[in-house]
N, C-alpha and C. Protein backbone atom coordinates (compact mmCIF):
# COMPACT_ATOMS: atom_id res chain seq x y z
N UNK A 1 -8.73 -28.67 10.48
CA UNK A 1 -8.26 -29.84 9.68
C UNK A 1 -7.87 -29.07 8.40
N UNK A 2 -8.52 -28.18 7.84
CA UNK A 2 -8.09 -27.68 6.40
C UNK A 2 -6.67 -26.91 6.75
N UNK A 3 -6.65 -26.27 7.70
CA UNK A 3 -5.32 -25.63 8.07
C UNK A 3 -4.19 -26.59 8.03
N UNK A 4 -4.35 -27.62 8.88
CA UNK A 4 -3.30 -28.65 9.06
C UNK A 4 -2.84 -29.19 7.64
N UNK A 5 -3.86 -29.48 6.79
CA UNK A 5 -3.58 -30.17 5.56
C UNK A 5 -3.06 -29.19 4.50
N UNK A 6 -3.08 -27.69 4.85
CA UNK A 6 -2.49 -26.92 3.93
C UNK A 6 -3.45 -26.55 2.88
N UNK A 7 -4.96 -27.05 2.89
CA UNK A 7 -5.94 -26.89 2.05
C UNK A 7 -6.55 -25.30 2.07
N UNK A 8 -6.45 -24.75 3.17
CA UNK A 8 -6.83 -23.52 3.43
C UNK A 8 -5.50 -22.71 4.07
N UNK A 9 -4.95 -21.93 3.58
CA UNK A 9 -3.82 -21.05 4.23
C UNK A 9 -3.98 -19.66 4.30
N UNK A 10 -3.44 -19.08 5.41
CA UNK A 10 -3.52 -17.48 5.59
C UNK A 10 -2.13 -17.06 5.08
N UNK A 11 -2.38 -15.97 4.43
CA UNK A 11 -1.33 -15.33 3.61
C UNK A 11 -1.59 -13.49 3.93
N UNK A 12 -0.52 -13.01 3.96
CA UNK A 12 -0.51 -11.64 4.06
C UNK A 12 -0.93 -10.82 2.71
N UNK A 13 -1.87 -9.89 3.08
CA UNK A 13 -2.48 -9.12 1.87
C UNK A 13 -2.31 -7.59 2.22
N UNK A 14 -1.61 -7.04 1.18
CA UNK A 14 -1.35 -5.47 1.26
C UNK A 14 -2.54 -4.55 1.74
N UNK A 15 -3.62 -5.13 1.27
CA UNK A 15 -4.86 -4.16 1.48
C UNK A 15 -5.76 -4.55 2.70
N UNK A 16 -5.89 -6.03 2.68
CA UNK A 16 -6.73 -6.55 3.70
C UNK A 16 -5.99 -7.09 4.86
N UNK A 17 -4.77 -7.12 4.97
CA UNK A 17 -3.93 -7.61 6.12
C UNK A 17 -3.62 -9.07 6.09
N UNK A 18 -4.39 -10.02 6.83
CA UNK A 18 -4.01 -11.42 6.68
C UNK A 18 -5.42 -12.12 5.77
N UNK A 19 -5.49 -12.77 4.91
CA UNK A 19 -6.56 -13.39 4.35
C UNK A 19 -6.33 -14.99 4.17
N UNK A 20 -7.49 -15.52 4.08
CA UNK A 20 -7.37 -17.07 3.92
C UNK A 20 -7.52 -17.42 2.42
N UNK A 21 -6.73 -18.03 1.95
CA UNK A 21 -6.89 -18.46 0.44
C UNK A 21 -6.61 -20.02 0.38
N UNK A 22 -7.08 -20.64 -0.88
CA UNK A 22 -7.05 -21.91 -1.22
C UNK A 22 -5.67 -22.38 -1.32
N UNK A 23 -5.09 -23.32 -0.66
CA UNK A 23 -3.67 -23.77 -0.65
C UNK A 23 -3.55 -24.95 -1.57
N UNK A 24 -2.74 -25.90 -1.00
CA UNK A 24 -2.37 -27.11 -1.86
C UNK A 24 -3.56 -28.25 -1.82
N UNK A 25 -4.26 -28.40 -2.81
CA UNK A 25 -5.26 -29.31 -2.92
C UNK A 25 -4.36 -30.84 -3.24
N UNK A 26 -3.39 -30.68 -3.90
CA UNK A 26 -2.63 -31.94 -4.34
C UNK A 26 -1.16 -31.69 -3.86
N UNK A 27 -0.64 -32.60 -3.10
CA UNK A 27 0.76 -32.36 -2.82
C UNK A 27 1.68 -33.41 -3.69
N UNK A 28 2.58 -32.81 -3.94
CA UNK A 28 3.64 -33.35 -4.73
C UNK A 28 5.03 -33.13 -3.83
N UNK A 29 5.76 -34.48 -3.79
CA UNK A 29 6.90 -34.37 -2.95
C UNK A 29 8.01 -33.37 -3.30
N UNK A 30 8.30 -33.23 -4.60
CA UNK A 30 9.28 -32.52 -5.14
C UNK A 30 9.00 -31.16 -5.71
N UNK A 31 7.80 -30.82 -5.81
CA UNK A 31 7.29 -29.69 -6.46
C UNK A 31 6.49 -28.89 -5.47
N UNK A 32 7.05 -27.80 -4.80
CA UNK A 32 6.52 -26.98 -3.74
C UNK A 32 5.64 -26.10 -4.64
N UNK A 33 4.73 -25.62 -3.79
CA UNK A 33 3.39 -24.69 -4.40
C UNK A 33 3.64 -23.38 -3.79
N UNK A 34 3.72 -22.21 -4.53
CA UNK A 34 3.67 -21.00 -3.85
C UNK A 34 2.34 -20.59 -4.00
N UNK A 35 1.94 -19.99 -2.38
CA UNK A 35 0.40 -19.59 -2.36
C UNK A 35 0.72 -18.07 -1.79
N UNK A 36 0.01 -17.21 -2.46
CA UNK A 36 -0.08 -15.76 -1.90
C UNK A 36 -1.32 -14.99 -2.18
N UNK A 37 -1.48 -13.78 -1.90
CA UNK A 37 -2.52 -13.13 -2.15
C UNK A 37 -2.58 -12.70 -3.68
N UNK A 38 -3.78 -12.24 -4.27
CA UNK A 38 -3.87 -11.87 -5.57
C UNK A 38 -3.39 -10.46 -5.61
N UNK A 39 -2.88 -10.11 -6.87
CA UNK A 39 -2.25 -8.72 -7.08
C UNK A 39 -3.34 -7.61 -6.89
N UNK A 40 -2.87 -6.51 -6.49
CA UNK A 40 -3.76 -5.38 -6.16
C UNK A 40 -4.13 -4.71 -7.69
N UNK A 41 -5.08 -4.00 -7.67
CA UNK A 41 -5.57 -3.36 -8.86
C UNK A 41 -4.58 -2.29 -9.27
N UNK A 42 -3.99 -2.63 -10.75
CA UNK A 42 -3.04 -1.53 -11.13
C UNK A 42 -1.43 -2.14 -10.79
N UNK A 43 -1.52 -3.24 -10.07
CA UNK A 43 0.00 -3.43 -9.68
C UNK A 43 0.94 -3.59 -10.71
N UNK A 44 0.51 -4.29 -12.03
CA UNK A 44 1.25 -4.64 -12.92
C UNK A 44 0.93 -3.94 -14.25
N UNK A 45 -0.06 -2.78 -14.20
CA UNK A 45 -0.13 -1.93 -15.27
C UNK A 45 1.02 -1.41 -16.03
N UNK A 46 1.93 -0.75 -15.15
CA UNK A 46 3.09 -0.22 -15.94
C UNK A 46 4.10 -1.32 -16.59
N UNK A 47 4.18 -2.39 -15.76
CA UNK A 47 5.02 -3.65 -16.58
C UNK A 47 4.24 -3.96 -18.08
N UNK A 48 2.86 -3.82 -17.80
CA UNK A 48 2.29 -4.46 -19.00
C UNK A 48 2.18 -3.53 -20.15
N UNK A 49 2.27 -2.22 -19.94
CA UNK A 49 2.30 -1.19 -20.87
C UNK A 49 3.50 -0.87 -21.35
N UNK A 50 4.61 -1.07 -20.45
CA UNK A 50 5.86 -1.27 -21.06
C UNK A 50 6.46 -2.26 -21.76
N UNK A 51 6.39 -3.50 -21.08
CA UNK A 51 6.91 -4.69 -21.67
C UNK A 51 6.25 -5.23 -22.71
N UNK A 52 4.71 -5.27 -22.77
CA UNK A 52 4.12 -6.05 -23.52
C UNK A 52 3.47 -5.09 -24.84
N UNK A 53 2.93 -3.87 -24.45
CA UNK A 53 2.39 -2.86 -25.27
C UNK A 53 3.29 -1.91 -25.74
N UNK A 54 4.57 -1.96 -25.42
CA UNK A 54 5.71 -1.01 -25.96
C UNK A 54 5.60 0.32 -25.84
N UNK A 55 4.81 0.77 -24.72
CA UNK A 55 4.94 2.33 -24.49
C UNK A 55 5.85 2.62 -23.82
N UNK A 56 6.35 3.95 -24.02
CA UNK A 56 7.39 4.48 -23.69
C UNK A 56 7.03 4.91 -22.12
N UNK A 57 7.98 5.04 -21.25
CA UNK A 57 8.03 5.79 -19.81
C UNK A 57 7.23 7.13 -19.79
N UNK A 58 7.56 7.88 -20.86
CA UNK A 58 6.90 9.25 -21.09
C UNK A 58 5.42 9.12 -21.47
N UNK A 59 4.85 8.21 -22.32
CA UNK A 59 3.50 7.83 -22.81
C UNK A 59 2.96 7.24 -21.37
N UNK A 60 3.56 6.37 -20.74
CA UNK A 60 2.96 5.85 -19.44
C UNK A 60 2.57 6.93 -18.64
N UNK A 61 3.50 7.84 -18.38
CA UNK A 61 3.43 8.97 -17.46
C UNK A 61 2.18 9.92 -17.79
N UNK A 62 2.18 10.07 -19.10
CA UNK A 62 0.97 11.02 -19.60
C UNK A 62 -0.40 10.38 -19.51
N UNK A 63 -0.22 9.07 -19.76
CA UNK A 63 -1.55 8.22 -19.39
C UNK A 63 -1.99 8.36 -17.81
N UNK A 64 -1.05 8.19 -16.95
CA UNK A 64 -1.35 8.46 -15.43
C UNK A 64 -1.49 9.86 -15.02
N UNK A 65 -1.17 10.96 -15.80
CA UNK A 65 -1.41 12.25 -15.45
C UNK A 65 -2.99 12.41 -16.07
N UNK A 66 -3.28 11.68 -17.34
CA UNK A 66 -4.64 12.03 -17.85
C UNK A 66 -5.57 11.40 -16.95
N UNK A 67 -5.18 10.30 -16.26
CA UNK A 67 -6.26 9.49 -15.39
C UNK A 67 -6.63 8.29 -16.28
N UNK A 68 -6.04 7.95 -17.46
CA UNK A 68 -6.33 7.17 -18.26
C UNK A 68 -6.19 5.49 -17.64
N UNK A 69 -4.81 5.53 -16.90
CA UNK A 69 -4.67 4.23 -16.28
C UNK A 69 -4.16 4.64 -14.69
N UNK A 70 -4.28 3.52 -13.78
CA UNK A 70 -3.92 3.85 -12.55
C UNK A 70 -2.72 2.84 -12.16
N UNK A 71 -1.70 3.34 -11.55
CA UNK A 71 -0.69 2.39 -11.02
C UNK A 71 -0.84 2.04 -9.74
N UNK A 72 -0.80 0.74 -9.37
CA UNK A 72 -1.01 0.54 -7.94
C UNK A 72 0.14 0.11 -7.27
């Protein structure tokens, strides 16, 4: 019943394969909800360091080489 009502949905996950996550608890006719898996560890590290913290690509590469950050 939970699957039919899209309260529990199956989504692809890059690490675990297919997983079940919470879906649409409330349905709106003109507002679709996008459901997916959580980001992997380090998936957005480079974007955050570059776009928010204003580090250069050389600095980010140095962080990676030194093991300070991991990019997933």
